[in-house]
Amino acid sequence: MAHAAPVYPPPSPSSAPGSARASATPATRWAALALLAGVVYGLWACAIRRDGGPITTGNVMFGVVTGLVFAALMFALHRMAPTLPRELRALSWAAFTGIAFGFLYSLGGASVLRSTVMALVVAAGVFALTFYRYYTTE
């Protein structure tokens, strides 16, 4: 068929009739991001706790559990936070970040008082940034 005009642009394989291509929803994207952040957090906690020693089963399990808890809490907070007013929304993210940072800081051998102070400093910074963002975008 030399006389047939070509079709521009050519149809993509995913747009063929009968093929259903599922797109990722924002919830699945956030779940993937939370899982990735949980893996990084768990590896970080595992490395701090190991302190240059041998890798043990208990250390690996500590990292896995820590990462899963972090990812679950991050995802739950992301799902719940939009229903809160901007002050509580910023406070919830600040508390989450402060607690997560304080836990990692305490794994390094710092005292409870120093870990608490550092966590409060980080949480205050996160609160200021998130409150400003929520206040200016609403």
Protein backbone atom coordinates (compact mmCIF):
# COMPACT_ATOMS: atom_id res chain seq x y z
CA MET A 1 0.00 0.00 0.00
CA ALA A 2 2.28 2.69 -1.20
CA HIS A 3 -0.53 5.20 -1.52
CA ALA A 4 -1.67 5.06 2.14
CA ALA A 5 -0.76 8.09 4.21
CA PRO A 6 1.29 7.42 7.34
CA VAL A 7 -0.27 8.09 10.72
CA TYR A 8 1.54 10.78 12.71
CA PRO A 9 2.34 10.31 15.51
CA PRO A 10 2.31 6.53 15.43
CA PRO A 11 0.10 4.96 18.08
CA SER A 12 1.94 3.86 21.19
CA PRO A 13 1.63 0.23 22.27
CA SER A 14 -0.03 1.24 25.53
CA SER A 15 -2.80 3.15 23.77
CA ALA A 16 -3.89 0.18 21.68
CA PRO A 17 -7.54 -0.78 22.02
CA GLY A 18 -8.16 -3.22 24.81
CA SER A 19 -4.97 -2.46 26.72
CA ALA A 20 -5.54 -0.91 30.10
CA ARG A 21 -2.56 0.86 31.57
CA ALA A 22 -2.83 1.55 35.26
CA SER A 23 -1.36 4.80 36.42
CA ALA A 24 0.01 5.25 39.90
CA THR A 25 -2.26 7.14 42.25
CA PRO A 26 -0.86 9.77 44.61
CA ALA A 27 -1.39 7.37 47.52
CA THR A 28 0.79 4.70 45.92
CA ARG A 29 3.42 7.27 45.08
CA TRP A 30 3.47 8.43 48.69
CA ALA A 31 3.57 4.83 49.89
CA ALA A 32 6.60 4.20 47.68
CA LEU A 33 8.26 7.39 48.92
CA ALA A 34 7.53 6.48 52.54
CA LEU A 35 8.93 3.00 51.98
CA LEU A 36 12.09 4.41 50.42
CA ALA A 37 12.49 6.86 53.30
CA GLY A 38 11.91 3.99 55.72
CA VAL A 39 14.66 1.94 54.08
CA VAL A 40 17.10 4.85 54.33
CA TYR A 41 16.09 5.54 57.94
CA GLY A 42 16.38 1.86 58.87
CA LEU A 43 19.82 1.56 57.26
CA TRP A 44 20.95 4.72 59.02
CA ALA A 45 19.70 3.48 62.41
CA CYS A 46 21.27 0.09 61.80
CA ALA A 47 24.63 1.66 60.91
CA ILE A 48 24.62 3.92 63.97
CA ARG A 49 23.76 1.03 66.29
CA ARG A 50 26.37 -1.24 64.71
CA ASP A 51 29.11 1.34 65.42
CA GLY A 52 31.65 -0.31 63.13
CA GLY A 53 31.19 -3.77 64.61
CA PRO A 54 30.11 -6.91 62.82
CA ILE A 55 26.73 -7.14 61.13
CA THR A 56 24.48 -9.33 63.24
CA THR A 57 20.97 -10.68 62.79
CA GLY A 58 19.73 -8.55 65.68
CA ASN A 59 21.20 -5.44 64.12
CA VAL A 60 19.58 -6.17 60.76
CA MET A 61 16.22 -6.86 62.41
CA PHE A 62 16.54 -3.60 64.35
CA GLY A 63 17.05 -1.72 61.07
CA VAL A 64 14.14 -3.48 59.36
CA VAL A 65 11.70 -2.86 62.21
CA THR A 66 12.85 0.74 62.63
CA GLY A 67 12.46 1.41 58.91
CA LEU A 68 9.01 -0.19 58.75
CA VAL A 69 7.75 1.78 61.74
CA PHE A 70 9.15 5.01 60.27
CA ALA A 71 7.56 4.32 56.86
CA ALA A 72 4.19 3.39 58.37
CA LEU A 73 4.08 6.50 60.55
CA MET A 74 5.16 8.75 57.69
CA PHE A 75 2.50 7.34 55.38
CA ALA A 76 -0.20 7.55 58.07
CA LEU A 77 0.74 11.14 58.86
CA HIS A 78 0.66 12.04 55.18
CA ARG A 79 -2.84 10.57 54.84
CA MET A 80 -4.14 12.19 58.03
CA ALA A 81 -2.44 15.61 57.91
CA PRO A 82 -4.56 17.25 55.17
CA THR A 83 -7.65 16.98 57.39
CA LEU A 84 -6.00 19.04 60.15
CA PRO A 85 -5.90 22.83 60.43
CA ARG A 86 -2.60 24.36 59.36
CA GLU A 87 -1.28 24.81 62.92
CA LEU A 88 -1.86 21.17 63.90
CA ARG A 89 -0.66 20.01 60.51
CA ALA A 90 2.64 21.84 60.92
CA LEU A 91 2.89 20.67 64.53
CA SER A 92 2.32 17.03 63.57
CA TRP A 93 5.08 17.10 60.93
CA ALA A 94 7.38 18.89 63.38
CA ALA A 95 6.71 16.31 66.09
CA PHE A 96 7.29 13.44 63.67
CA THR A 97 10.56 14.92 62.45
CA GLY A 98 11.75 15.82 65.93
CA ILE A 99 11.04 12.37 67.32
CA ALA A 100 12.67 10.65 64.35
CA PHE A 101 15.76 12.86 64.60
CA GLY A 102 15.95 12.54 68.39
CA PHE A 103 15.83 8.75 68.15
CA LEU A 104 18.70 8.65 65.67
CA TYR A 105 20.64 11.17 67.75
CA SER A 106 20.19 9.08 70.90
CA LEU A 107 21.50 5.98 69.11
CA GLY A 108 24.85 7.74 68.81
CA GLY A 109 25.31 7.63 72.57
CA ALA A 110 24.19 11.14 73.48
CA SER A 111 22.46 11.77 76.78
CA VAL A 112 18.70 11.94 77.02
CA LEU A 113 18.82 15.67 77.74
CA ARG A 114 21.04 16.45 74.75
CA SER A 115 18.93 14.24 72.45
CA THR A 116 15.78 16.01 73.62
CA VAL A 117 17.23 19.47 73.13
CA MET A 118 18.52 18.64 69.64
CA ALA A 119 15.16 17.08 68.70
CA LEU A 120 13.33 20.20 69.91
CA VAL A 121 15.63 22.44 67.88
CA VAL A 122 15.01 20.39 64.73
CA ALA A 123 11.28 20.23 65.43
CA ALA A 124 11.11 24.01 65.91
CA GLY A 125 12.80 24.56 62.56
CA VAL A 126 10.47 22.14 60.81
CA PHE A 127 7.46 23.74 62.46
CA ALA A 128 8.51 27.20 61.28
CA LEU A 129 9.04 26.00 57.71
CA THR A 130 5.88 23.93 57.41
CA PHE A 131 3.69 26.52 59.10
CA TYR A 132 5.00 29.19 56.72
CA ARG A 133 4.34 26.93 53.75
CA TYR A 134 0.82 26.02 54.85
CA TYR A 135 0.00 29.63 55.78
CA THR A 136 1.14 31.02 52.43
CA THR A 137 -0.46 28.33 50.26
CA GLU A 138 -3.95 28.22 51.80
